[in-house]
């Protein structure tokens, strides 16, 4: 039997399930809005640096696969980090949004494939 965590990885982009907390989910006018906040764990690519979480970047909203006939909007808040020794502001290099769109890469690839048939 699948755990709740593994089930979510089938329904949502896997990187969101792994690296973000789900804050809430709401239905508005036939749309499902799911709110994510990046976890406070220091990014693997910055493990050698002394970092401190310094809040969030502005929220982005991306479209994802419809679920049960409802449009899905993902509200994503990414963390920003400050290197305590240099003062440099850092963030993970997420490729959340497909270039030139406001949808996830996975959904953009899916739409591209079905448009060829």
N, C-alpha and C. Protein backbone atom coordinates (compact mmCIF):
# COMPACT_ATOMS: atom_id res chain seq x y z
N UNK A 1 0.84 -1.19 0.00
CA UNK A 1 0.00 0.00 0.00
C UNK A 1 0.89 1.25 0.00
N UNK A 2 0.44 2.26 -0.74
CA UNK A 2 1.20 3.51 -0.83
C UNK A 2 0.99 4.37 0.41
N UNK A 3 2.06 5.01 0.85
CA UNK A 3 1.94 5.98 1.93
C UNK A 3 1.34 7.27 1.36
N UNK A 4 0.87 8.14 2.24
CA UNK A 4 0.33 9.43 1.79
C UNK A 4 1.39 10.20 1.01
N UNK A 5 2.63 10.16 1.49
CA UNK A 5 3.75 10.86 0.84
C UNK A 5 3.94 10.35 -0.59
N UNK A 6 3.97 9.03 -0.78
CA UNK A 6 4.16 8.47 -2.12
C UNK A 6 2.97 8.72 -3.02
N UNK A 7 1.78 8.73 -2.47
CA UNK A 7 0.59 9.05 -3.25
C UNK A 7 0.66 10.49 -3.76
N UNK A 8 1.08 11.41 -2.90
CA UNK A 8 1.21 12.81 -3.31
C UNK A 8 2.18 12.97 -4.47
N UNK A 9 3.23 12.15 -4.52
CA UNK A 9 4.21 12.23 -5.60
C UNK A 9 3.60 11.83 -6.94
N UNK A 10 2.49 11.09 -6.94
CA UNK A 10 1.78 10.77 -8.18
C UNK A 10 0.89 11.93 -8.62
N UNK A 11 0.42 12.71 -7.67
CA UNK A 11 -0.54 13.76 -7.96
C UNK A 11 0.09 15.13 -8.18
N UNK A 12 1.23 15.37 -7.57
CA UNK A 12 1.89 16.67 -7.62
C UNK A 12 3.31 16.52 -8.13
N UNK A 13 3.91 17.61 -8.64
CA UNK A 13 5.32 17.52 -9.04
C UNK A 13 6.18 17.01 -7.87
N UNK A 14 6.98 16.01 -8.16
CA UNK A 14 7.75 15.33 -7.10
C UNK A 14 8.66 16.28 -6.32
N UNK A 15 9.29 17.24 -7.01
CA UNK A 15 10.19 18.15 -6.30
C UNK A 15 9.43 18.98 -5.27
N UNK A 16 8.16 19.30 -5.52
CA UNK A 16 7.38 20.04 -4.53
C UNK A 16 7.10 19.19 -3.30
N UNK A 17 6.77 17.93 -3.52
CA UNK A 17 6.48 17.03 -2.40
C UNK A 17 7.74 16.83 -1.55
N UNK A 18 8.89 16.76 -2.19
CA UNK A 18 10.13 16.49 -1.46
C UNK A 18 10.70 17.72 -0.75
N UNK A 19 10.61 18.89 -1.37
CA UNK A 19 11.32 20.06 -0.86
C UNK A 19 10.44 21.18 -0.31
N UNK A 20 9.13 20.98 -0.34
CA UNK A 20 8.21 22.02 0.11
C UNK A 20 7.20 21.43 1.08
N UNK A 21 6.73 22.26 1.99
CA UNK A 21 5.62 21.90 2.87
C UNK A 21 4.33 22.38 2.23
N UNK A 22 3.28 21.58 2.33
CA UNK A 22 1.97 22.03 1.87
C UNK A 22 1.33 22.77 3.04
N UNK A 23 1.04 24.04 2.83
CA UNK A 23 0.45 24.85 3.89
C UNK A 23 -1.06 24.69 3.95
N UNK A 24 -1.68 24.67 2.77
CA UNK A 24 -3.13 24.51 2.72
C UNK A 24 -3.56 24.24 1.29
N UNK A 25 -4.79 23.80 1.15
CA UNK A 25 -5.42 23.60 -0.16
C UNK A 25 -6.83 24.12 -0.04
N UNK A 26 -7.24 24.89 -1.04
CA UNK A 26 -8.57 25.49 -1.03
C UNK A 26 -9.20 25.38 -2.40
N UNK A 27 -10.53 25.30 -2.42
CA UNK A 27 -11.26 25.31 -3.68
C UNK A 27 -11.95 26.67 -3.83
N UNK A 28 -11.73 27.29 -4.99
CA UNK A 28 -12.34 28.59 -5.31
C UNK A 28 -12.90 28.52 -6.72
N UNK A 29 -14.18 28.68 -6.87
CA UNK A 29 -14.82 28.75 -8.20
C UNK A 29 -14.38 27.63 -9.12
N UNK A 30 -14.38 26.41 -8.62
CA UNK A 30 -14.02 25.27 -9.45
C UNK A 30 -12.53 25.08 -9.67
N UNK A 31 -11.70 25.86 -9.00
CA UNK A 31 -10.24 25.72 -9.10
C UNK A 31 -9.70 25.23 -7.76
N UNK A 32 -8.68 24.39 -7.84
CA UNK A 32 -8.00 23.91 -6.64
C UNK A 32 -6.71 24.71 -6.49
N UNK A 33 -6.56 25.41 -5.38
CA UNK A 33 -5.36 26.19 -5.08
C UNK A 33 -4.60 25.48 -3.96
N UNK A 34 -3.34 25.13 -4.24
CA UNK A 34 -2.51 24.45 -3.26
C UNK A 34 -1.32 25.37 -2.96
N UNK A 35 -1.08 25.60 -1.68
CA UNK A 35 -0.06 26.55 -1.24
C UNK A 35 1.15 25.80 -0.67
N UNK A 36 2.33 26.12 -1.21
CA UNK A 36 3.58 25.47 -0.81
C UNK A 36 4.57 26.50 -0.28
N UNK A 37 5.39 26.04 0.68
CA UNK A 37 6.46 26.87 1.23
C UNK A 37 7.71 25.99 1.30
N UNK A 38 8.80 26.48 0.76
CA UNK A 38 10.03 25.69 0.74
C UNK A 38 10.48 25.37 2.17
N UNK A 39 10.88 24.12 2.38
CA UNK A 39 11.35 23.67 3.70
C UNK A 39 12.59 24.44 4.10
N UNK A 40 12.86 24.52 5.39
CA UNK A 40 13.99 25.30 5.88
C UNK A 40 15.30 24.53 5.92
N UNK A 41 15.35 23.36 5.29
CA UNK A 41 16.60 22.61 5.26
C UNK A 41 17.57 23.27 4.27
N UNK A 42 18.83 23.37 4.68
CA UNK A 42 19.84 24.03 3.84
C UNK A 42 20.03 23.23 2.56
N UNK A 43 20.00 23.90 1.40
CA UNK A 43 20.16 23.20 0.12
C UNK A 43 21.48 22.43 0.06
N UNK A 44 21.43 21.24 -0.50
CA UNK A 44 22.61 20.37 -0.62
C UNK A 44 23.77 21.09 -1.31
N UNK A 45 23.47 21.89 -2.32
CA UNK A 45 24.54 22.57 -3.07
C UNK A 45 25.24 23.66 -2.26
N UNK A 46 24.68 24.02 -1.09
CA UNK A 46 25.29 25.05 -0.25
C UNK A 46 25.72 24.50 1.11
N UNK A 47 25.81 23.18 1.27
CA UNK A 47 26.10 22.57 2.57
C UNK A 47 27.41 23.06 3.19
N UNK A 48 28.40 23.42 2.36
CA UNK A 48 29.70 23.83 2.88
C UNK A 48 29.69 25.28 3.39
N UNK A 49 28.60 26.00 3.17
CA UNK A 49 28.52 27.40 3.58
C UNK A 49 27.68 27.53 4.85
N UNK A 50 27.93 28.60 5.59
CA UNK A 50 27.17 28.89 6.81
C UNK A 50 25.99 29.78 6.41
N UNK A 51 24.80 29.18 6.28
CA UNK A 51 23.64 29.90 5.78
C UNK A 51 22.60 30.12 6.86
N UNK A 52 21.82 31.17 6.65
CA UNK A 52 20.69 31.48 7.51
C UNK A 52 19.50 31.81 6.62
N UNK A 53 18.35 31.23 6.92
CA UNK A 53 17.15 31.52 6.14
C UNK A 53 16.74 32.96 6.40
N UNK A 54 16.48 33.68 5.32
CA UNK A 54 16.11 35.10 5.43
C UNK A 54 14.80 35.37 4.71
N UNK A 55 13.80 34.60 5.02
CA UNK A 55 12.48 34.86 4.46
C UNK A 55 12.29 34.21 3.10
N UNK A 56 11.37 34.78 2.33
CA UNK A 56 10.94 34.17 1.08
C UNK A 56 10.97 35.16 -0.07
N UNK A 57 11.11 34.60 -1.25
CA UNK A 57 10.96 35.37 -2.48
C UNK A 57 9.46 35.55 -2.70
N UNK A 58 9.07 36.48 -3.58
CA UNK A 58 7.63 36.63 -3.85
C UNK A 58 7.03 35.31 -4.36
N UNK A 59 5.81 35.05 -3.93
CA UNK A 59 5.09 33.84 -4.34
C UNK A 59 4.89 33.83 -5.86
N UNK A 60 5.05 32.65 -6.44
CA UNK A 60 4.69 32.49 -7.85
C UNK A 60 3.51 31.54 -7.93
N UNK A 61 2.71 31.69 -8.96
CA UNK A 61 1.55 30.82 -9.17
C UNK A 61 1.70 30.17 -10.53
N UNK A 62 1.68 28.84 -10.53
CA UNK A 62 1.81 28.10 -11.79
C UNK A 62 0.65 27.14 -11.96
N UNK A 63 0.29 26.89 -13.21
CA UNK A 63 -0.76 25.93 -13.53
C UNK A 63 -0.16 24.54 -13.55
N UNK A 64 -0.93 23.55 -13.13
CA UNK A 64 -0.50 22.16 -13.17
C UNK A 64 -1.62 21.33 -13.76
N UNK A 65 -1.41 20.02 -13.86
CA UNK A 65 -2.42 19.12 -14.40
C UNK A 65 -3.75 19.31 -13.67
N UNK A 66 -4.84 19.31 -14.41
CA UNK A 66 -6.15 19.34 -13.73
C UNK A 66 -6.34 18.05 -12.92
N UNK A 67 -7.04 18.18 -11.81
CA UNK A 67 -7.38 17.03 -10.96
C UNK A 67 -8.89 16.95 -10.82
N UNK A 68 -9.45 15.81 -11.15
CA UNK A 68 -10.89 15.59 -11.00
C UNK A 68 -11.71 16.71 -11.64
N UNK A 69 -11.25 17.17 -12.82
CA UNK A 69 -11.98 18.19 -13.55
C UNK A 69 -11.79 19.61 -13.03
N UNK A 70 -10.89 19.79 -12.08
CA UNK A 70 -10.64 21.12 -11.52
C UNK A 70 -9.29 21.65 -12.00
N UNK A 71 -9.27 22.92 -12.36
CA UNK A 71 -8.01 23.59 -12.68
C UNK A 71 -7.17 23.62 -11.41
N UNK A 72 -5.88 23.37 -11.53
CA UNK A 72 -4.99 23.35 -10.36
C UNK A 72 -4.00 24.49 -10.46
N UNK A 73 -3.96 25.30 -9.43
CA UNK A 73 -3.02 26.42 -9.31
C UNK A 73 -2.10 26.12 -8.13
N UNK A 74 -0.80 26.11 -8.38
CA UNK A 74 0.19 25.88 -7.34
C UNK A 74 0.79 27.21 -6.92
N UNK A 75 0.65 27.56 -5.66
CA UNK A 75 1.21 28.80 -5.11
C UNK A 75 2.51 28.41 -4.40
N UNK A 76 3.64 28.88 -4.92
CA UNK A 76 4.94 28.42 -4.45
C UNK A 76 5.74 29.58 -3.87
N UNK A 77 6.14 29.42 -2.59
CA UNK A 77 7.02 30.39 -1.95
C UNK A 77 8.39 29.75 -1.74
N UNK A 78 9.41 30.33 -2.39
CA UNK A 78 10.76 29.81 -2.29
C UNK A 78 11.56 30.61 -1.26
N UNK A 79 12.43 29.91 -0.55
CA UNK A 79 13.27 30.56 0.46
C UNK A 79 14.45 31.29 -0.17
N UNK A 80 14.90 32.28 0.57
CA UNK A 80 16.19 32.88 0.23
C UNK A 80 17.08 32.74 1.46
N UNK A 81 18.35 32.61 1.19
CA UNK A 81 19.33 32.33 2.23
C UNK A 81 20.40 33.41 2.21
N UNK A 82 20.94 33.72 3.38
CA UNK A 82 22.06 34.65 3.48
C UNK A 82 23.28 33.88 3.97
N UNK A 83 24.39 34.04 3.24
CA UNK A 83 25.67 33.47 3.67
C UNK A 83 26.18 34.37 4.79
N UNK A 84 26.30 33.83 6.01
CA UNK A 84 26.68 34.64 7.17
C UNK A 84 28.08 35.24 7.06
N UNK A 85 28.99 34.58 6.34
CA UNK A 85 30.35 35.10 6.25
C UNK A 85 30.51 36.16 5.16
N UNK A 86 29.80 36.04 4.05
CA UNK A 86 29.96 37.00 2.94
C UNK A 86 28.79 37.97 2.81
N UNK A 87 27.64 37.63 3.41
CA UNK A 87 26.45 38.47 3.25
C UNK A 87 25.72 38.24 1.94
N UNK A 88 26.22 37.31 1.14
CA UNK A 88 25.62 37.02 -0.16
C UNK A 88 24.23 36.39 0.01
N UNK A 89 23.29 36.83 -0.83
CA UNK A 89 21.94 36.27 -0.83
C UNK A 89 21.89 35.13 -1.84
N UNK A 90 21.42 33.97 -1.41
CA UNK A 90 21.39 32.78 -2.27
C UNK A 90 19.98 32.20 -2.31
N UNK A 91 19.74 31.42 -3.34
CA UNK A 91 18.50 30.65 -3.45
C UNK A 91 18.77 29.44 -4.31
N UNK A 92 17.96 28.41 -4.12
CA UNK A 92 18.08 27.24 -4.99
C UNK A 92 17.71 27.64 -6.40
N UNK A 93 18.30 26.96 -7.36
CA UNK A 93 17.99 27.23 -8.76
C UNK A 93 16.87 26.30 -9.20
N UNK A 94 15.64 26.63 -8.82
CA UNK A 94 14.50 25.80 -9.18
C UNK A 94 14.10 26.08 -10.62
N UNK A 95 13.83 25.03 -11.34
CA UNK A 95 13.29 25.16 -12.69
C UNK A 95 11.79 24.85 -12.60
N UNK A 96 11.08 25.64 -11.81
CA UNK A 96 9.68 25.38 -11.50
C UNK A 96 8.79 25.64 -12.71
N UNK A 97 9.04 26.72 -13.41
CA UNK A 97 8.15 27.14 -14.47
C UNK A 97 8.78 26.89 -15.83
N UNK A 98 8.01 26.30 -16.75
CA UNK A 98 8.49 26.09 -18.11
C UNK A 98 8.73 27.44 -18.77
N UNK A 99 9.82 27.58 -19.48
CA UNK A 99 10.19 28.84 -20.09
C UNK A 99 9.07 29.38 -20.98
N UNK A 100 8.70 30.63 -20.77
CA UNK A 100 7.68 31.29 -21.57
C UNK A 100 6.25 30.94 -21.18
N UNK A 101 6.08 30.24 -20.04
CA UNK A 101 4.73 29.85 -19.61
C UNK A 101 4.58 30.15 -18.13
N UNK A 102 3.40 29.90 -17.62
CA UNK A 102 3.15 29.97 -16.18
C UNK A 102 2.64 28.61 -15.72
N UNK A 103 3.26 27.54 -16.20
CA UNK A 103 2.86 26.19 -15.82
C UNK A 103 4.10 25.38 -15.49
N UNK A 104 3.93 24.28 -14.80
CA UNK A 104 5.07 23.46 -14.45
C UNK A 104 5.68 22.85 -15.71
N UNK A 105 6.97 22.54 -15.65
CA UNK A 105 7.66 21.91 -16.78
C UNK A 105 6.96 20.61 -17.19
N UNK A 106 6.59 19.79 -16.21
CA UNK A 106 5.94 18.51 -16.51
C UNK A 106 4.64 18.71 -17.28
N UNK A 107 3.84 19.70 -16.87
CA UNK A 107 2.57 19.96 -17.53
C UNK A 107 2.81 20.51 -18.95
N UNK A 108 3.80 21.37 -19.11
CA UNK A 108 4.12 21.91 -20.43
C UNK A 108 4.55 20.81 -21.39
N UNK A 109 5.36 19.87 -20.92
CA UNK A 109 5.80 18.74 -21.75
C UNK A 109 4.60 17.88 -22.13
N UNK A 110 3.71 17.62 -21.18
CA UNK A 110 2.50 16.85 -21.43
C UNK A 110 1.66 17.51 -22.53
N UNK A 111 1.41 18.81 -22.41
CA UNK A 111 0.61 19.52 -23.41
C UNK A 111 1.27 19.51 -24.78
N UNK A 112 2.58 19.63 -24.79
CA UNK A 112 3.32 19.61 -26.05
C UNK A 112 3.15 18.25 -26.74
N UNK A 113 3.23 17.16 -25.95
CA UNK A 113 3.08 15.82 -26.51
C UNK A 113 1.68 15.59 -27.06
N UNK A 114 0.64 15.98 -26.32
CA UNK A 114 -0.72 15.70 -26.81
C UNK A 114 -1.10 16.59 -27.99
N UNK A 115 -0.44 17.74 -28.13
CA UNK A 115 -0.75 18.62 -29.26
C UNK A 115 -0.21 18.06 -30.56
N UNK A 116 0.69 17.10 -30.52
CA UNK A 116 1.27 16.48 -31.73
C UNK A 116 0.37 15.41 -32.32
N UNK A 117 -0.62 14.95 -31.56
CA UNK A 117 -1.49 13.86 -32.03
C UNK A 117 -2.72 14.39 -32.68
